[in-house]
Amino acid sequence: MNCDEICEKTKEPCQQKECKYWLDYLQDMNCTLVCARQNGALTLREIAARLGVSFVRVKQIEEAALKKIKKKNSESLQNEYYL
């Protein structure tokens, strides 16, 4: 059983701050996986409110992440071409 499943079963928030799914938001048991199951996709404004940062900052993070994904996909396609 994964830690997110244990949190949901015991109704106790996660305390494992080193977990990559940990989120400092007690309403979702400090877990992004629990959040996704309970709420579905969140808007950038909802994410900003939960993290306590501005909408603009969340948008910047999203744009940087998408840029990295596009670059990685582009490099992956180039590597496949040369094989």
N, C-alpha and C. Protein backbone atom coordinates (compact mmCIF):
# COMPACT_ATOMS: atom_id res chain seq x y z
N MET A 1 0.84 -1.18 0.00
CA MET A 1 0.00 0.00 0.00
C MET A 1 0.89 1.25 0.00
N ASN A 2 0.57 2.19 -0.87
CA ASN A 2 1.33 3.44 -0.95
C ASN A 2 0.95 4.37 0.19
N CYS A 3 1.82 5.34 0.46
CA CYS A 3 1.57 6.26 1.57
C CYS A 3 0.30 7.07 1.37
N ASP A 4 -0.03 7.42 0.13
CA ASP A 4 -1.27 8.17 -0.11
C ASP A 4 -2.50 7.34 0.23
N GLU A 5 -2.44 6.05 -0.05
CA GLU A 5 -3.55 5.16 0.28
C GLU A 5 -3.68 5.00 1.80
N ILE A 6 -2.54 4.96 2.48
CA ILE A 6 -2.56 4.86 3.94
C ILE A 6 -3.17 6.12 4.54
N CYS A 7 -2.82 7.27 4.02
CA CYS A 7 -3.38 8.54 4.52
C CYS A 7 -4.89 8.56 4.35
N GLU A 8 -5.36 8.14 3.20
CA GLU A 8 -6.81 8.14 2.96
C GLU A 8 -7.52 7.14 3.86
N LYS A 9 -6.91 5.98 4.06
CA LYS A 9 -7.54 4.95 4.88
C LYS A 9 -7.59 5.36 6.35
N THR A 10 -6.49 5.92 6.85
CA THR A 10 -6.42 6.29 8.27
C THR A 10 -6.98 7.68 8.54
N LYS A 11 -7.24 8.44 7.49
CA LYS A 11 -7.73 9.83 7.62
C LYS A 11 -6.72 10.72 8.35
N GLU A 12 -5.44 10.38 8.25
CA GLU A 12 -4.36 11.15 8.87
C GLU A 12 -3.51 11.78 7.78
N PRO A 13 -3.15 13.06 7.92
CA PRO A 13 -2.30 13.70 6.91
C PRO A 13 -0.90 13.11 6.89
N CYS A 14 -0.31 13.14 5.72
CA CYS A 14 1.05 12.63 5.53
C CYS A 14 2.05 13.52 6.26
N GLN A 15 3.05 12.90 6.85
CA GLN A 15 4.11 13.63 7.55
C GLN A 15 5.45 13.49 6.83
N GLN A 16 5.47 12.80 5.69
CA GLN A 16 6.72 12.52 4.98
C GLN A 16 7.08 13.67 4.04
N LYS A 17 7.66 14.73 4.58
CA LYS A 17 7.97 15.93 3.80
C LYS A 17 8.98 15.67 2.69
N GLU A 18 9.76 14.61 2.80
CA GLU A 18 10.74 14.31 1.76
C GLU A 18 10.12 13.61 0.55
N CYS A 19 8.87 13.21 0.65
CA CYS A 19 8.17 12.55 -0.46
C CYS A 19 7.94 13.54 -1.60
N LYS A 20 8.14 13.11 -2.83
CA LYS A 20 7.96 14.02 -3.96
C LYS A 20 6.51 14.41 -4.18
N TYR A 21 5.58 13.73 -3.54
CA TYR A 21 4.16 14.05 -3.66
C TYR A 21 3.65 14.89 -2.49
N TRP A 22 4.53 15.22 -1.54
CA TRP A 22 4.12 15.96 -0.35
C TRP A 22 3.77 17.39 -0.71
N LEU A 23 2.69 17.88 -0.13
CA LEU A 23 2.21 19.24 -0.35
C LEU A 23 1.73 19.78 0.99
N ASP A 24 2.17 20.94 1.36
CA ASP A 24 1.79 21.52 2.65
C ASP A 24 0.37 22.06 2.58
N TYR A 25 -0.60 21.14 2.58
CA TYR A 25 -2.01 21.51 2.47
C TYR A 25 -2.82 20.41 3.17
N LEU A 26 -3.16 20.67 4.43
CA LEU A 26 -3.82 19.64 5.25
C LEU A 26 -5.15 19.15 4.68
N GLN A 27 -5.90 20.01 4.00
CA GLN A 27 -7.19 19.59 3.47
C GLN A 27 -7.07 18.43 2.49
N ASP A 28 -5.92 18.30 1.87
CA ASP A 28 -5.67 17.17 0.96
C ASP A 28 -4.67 16.20 1.57
N MET A 29 -4.61 16.16 2.88
CA MET A 29 -3.75 15.24 3.63
C MET A 29 -2.28 15.39 3.25
N ASN A 30 -1.87 16.61 2.84
CA ASN A 30 -0.49 16.92 2.46
C ASN A 30 0.00 16.10 1.27
N CYS A 31 -0.89 15.66 0.42
CA CYS A 31 -0.49 14.76 -0.68
C CYS A 31 -1.10 15.21 -2.00
N THR A 32 -0.26 15.40 -3.01
CA THR A 32 -0.78 15.80 -4.32
C THR A 32 -1.60 14.69 -4.96
N LEU A 33 -1.30 13.42 -4.66
CA LEU A 33 -2.07 12.32 -5.22
C LEU A 33 -3.48 12.30 -4.65
N VAL A 34 -3.59 12.53 -3.35
CA VAL A 34 -4.91 12.61 -2.72
C VAL A 34 -5.68 13.78 -3.31
N CYS A 35 -5.01 14.91 -3.47
CA CYS A 35 -5.63 16.11 -4.04
C CYS A 35 -6.19 15.81 -5.43
N ALA A 36 -5.40 15.16 -6.27
CA ALA A 36 -5.84 14.86 -7.63
C ALA A 36 -7.04 13.93 -7.65
N ARG A 37 -7.04 12.93 -6.77
CA ARG A 37 -8.17 12.00 -6.72
C ARG A 37 -9.44 12.70 -6.21
N GLN A 38 -9.30 13.56 -5.23
CA GLN A 38 -10.47 14.19 -4.62
C GLN A 38 -11.01 15.36 -5.45
N ASN A 39 -10.13 16.10 -6.12
CA ASN A 39 -10.54 17.33 -6.77
C ASN A 39 -10.42 17.33 -8.29
N GLY A 40 -9.74 16.37 -8.84
CA GLY A 40 -9.47 16.42 -10.28
C GLY A 40 -8.42 17.48 -10.57
N ALA A 41 -8.40 17.95 -11.79
CA ALA A 41 -7.43 18.97 -12.18
C ALA A 41 -7.77 20.31 -11.53
N LEU A 42 -6.75 20.99 -11.05
CA LEU A 42 -6.93 22.31 -10.45
C LEU A 42 -6.54 23.38 -11.44
N THR A 43 -7.16 24.55 -11.32
CA THR A 43 -6.75 25.68 -12.13
C THR A 43 -5.45 26.25 -11.56
N LEU A 44 -4.76 27.05 -12.35
CA LEU A 44 -3.54 27.67 -11.85
C LEU A 44 -3.84 28.59 -10.67
N ARG A 45 -4.98 29.24 -10.66
CA ARG A 45 -5.36 30.10 -9.54
C ARG A 45 -5.58 29.28 -8.27
N GLU A 46 -6.19 28.10 -8.40
CA GLU A 46 -6.38 27.23 -7.24
C GLU A 46 -5.04 26.74 -6.70
N ILE A 47 -4.14 26.40 -7.60
CA ILE A 47 -2.80 25.95 -7.19
C ILE A 47 -2.08 27.08 -6.45
N ALA A 48 -2.15 28.28 -7.00
CA ALA A 48 -1.50 29.43 -6.36
C ALA A 48 -2.04 29.65 -4.95
N ALA A 49 -3.35 29.56 -4.79
CA ALA A 49 -3.95 29.76 -3.47
C ALA A 49 -3.50 28.68 -2.49
N ARG A 50 -3.41 27.46 -2.94
CA ARG A 50 -3.00 26.36 -2.06
C ARG A 50 -1.54 26.47 -1.66
N LEU A 51 -0.71 26.94 -2.59
CA LEU A 51 0.72 27.05 -2.30
C LEU A 51 1.08 28.36 -1.62
N GLY A 52 0.16 29.30 -1.64
CA GLY A 52 0.43 30.59 -1.01
C GLY A 52 1.38 31.46 -1.83
N VAL A 53 1.33 31.31 -3.15
CA VAL A 53 2.13 32.13 -4.04
C VAL A 53 1.21 32.81 -5.04
N SER A 54 1.74 33.74 -5.82
CA SER A 54 0.91 34.46 -6.77
C SER A 54 0.59 33.59 -7.99
N PHE A 55 -0.49 33.95 -8.65
CA PHE A 55 -0.87 33.29 -9.89
C PHE A 55 0.23 33.45 -10.93
N VAL A 56 0.82 34.64 -10.98
CA VAL A 56 1.89 34.91 -11.94
C VAL A 56 3.06 33.96 -11.73
N ARG A 57 3.42 33.70 -10.48
CA ARG A 57 4.55 32.79 -10.19
C ARG A 57 4.21 31.37 -10.64
N VAL A 58 3.00 30.93 -10.40
CA VAL A 58 2.60 29.58 -10.83
C VAL A 58 2.65 29.50 -12.35
N LYS A 59 2.21 30.54 -13.02
CA LYS A 59 2.25 30.58 -14.49
C LYS A 59 3.69 30.52 -15.00
N GLN A 60 4.60 31.22 -14.33
CA GLN A 60 6.02 31.18 -14.71
C GLN A 60 6.58 29.77 -14.56
N ILE A 61 6.23 29.11 -13.46
CA ILE A 61 6.70 27.75 -13.22
C ILE A 61 6.15 26.81 -14.29
N GLU A 62 4.88 26.97 -14.63
CA GLU A 62 4.26 26.14 -15.67
C GLU A 62 4.98 26.33 -17.00
N GLU A 63 5.24 27.58 -17.37
CA GLU A 63 5.91 27.85 -18.64
C GLU A 63 7.31 27.27 -18.68
N ALA A 64 8.04 27.36 -17.57
CA ALA A 64 9.39 26.79 -17.51
C ALA A 64 9.34 25.27 -17.64
N ALA A 65 8.36 24.65 -16.99
CA ALA A 65 8.22 23.19 -17.07
C ALA A 65 7.88 22.75 -18.49
N LEU A 66 6.96 23.45 -19.12
CA LEU A 66 6.59 23.10 -20.49
C LEU A 66 7.77 23.27 -21.45
N LYS A 67 8.57 24.29 -21.22
CA LYS A 67 9.76 24.52 -22.05
C LYS A 67 10.74 23.35 -21.92
N LYS A 68 10.94 22.89 -20.68
CA LYS A 68 11.83 21.75 -20.45
C LYS A 68 11.31 20.49 -21.12
N ILE A 69 10.00 20.27 -21.02
CA ILE A 69 9.40 19.08 -21.63
C ILE A 69 9.58 19.12 -23.15
N LYS A 70 9.30 20.27 -23.75
CA LYS A 70 9.45 20.41 -25.20
C LYS A 70 10.89 20.17 -25.63
N LYS A 71 11.84 20.72 -24.87
CA LYS A 71 13.26 20.54 -25.19
C LYS A 71 13.64 19.07 -25.09
N LYS A 72 13.20 18.41 -24.02
CA LYS A 72 13.54 17.00 -23.83
C LYS A 72 12.93 16.15 -24.95
N ASN A 73 11.69 16.44 -25.31
CA ASN A 73 11.05 15.69 -26.40
C ASN A 73 11.76 15.91 -27.72
N SER A 74 12.19 17.14 -27.96
CA SER A 74 12.91 17.46 -29.18
C SER A 74 14.24 16.71 -29.23
N GLU A 75 14.96 16.71 -28.12
CA GLU A 75 16.24 15.98 -28.06
C GLU A 75 16.03 14.49 -28.24
N SER A 76 14.96 13.97 -27.66
CA SER A 76 14.66 12.55 -27.78
C SER A 76 14.39 12.17 -29.23
N LEU A 77 13.63 13.00 -29.92
CA LEU A 77 13.35 12.75 -31.34
C LEU A 77 14.62 12.80 -32.17
N GLN A 78 15.50 13.75 -31.89
CA GLN A 78 16.76 13.86 -32.62
C GLN A 78 17.62 12.63 -32.38
N ASN A 79 17.67 12.15 -31.16
CA ASN A 79 18.48 10.97 -30.83
C ASN A 79 17.93 9.75 -31.56
N GLU A 80 16.62 9.60 -31.64
CA GLU A 80 16.03 8.47 -32.36
C GLU A 80 16.37 8.53 -33.85
N TYR A 81 16.41 9.74 -34.39
CA TYR A 81 16.71 9.91 -35.81
C TYR A 81 18.12 9.45 -36.14
N TYR A 82 19.07 9.71 -35.23
CA TYR A 82 20.45 9.36 -35.47
C TYR A 82 20.79 7.92 -35.15
N LEU A 83 19.86 7.17 -34.56
CA LEU A 83 20.13 5.77 -34.26
C LEU A 83 19.98 4.91 -35.46
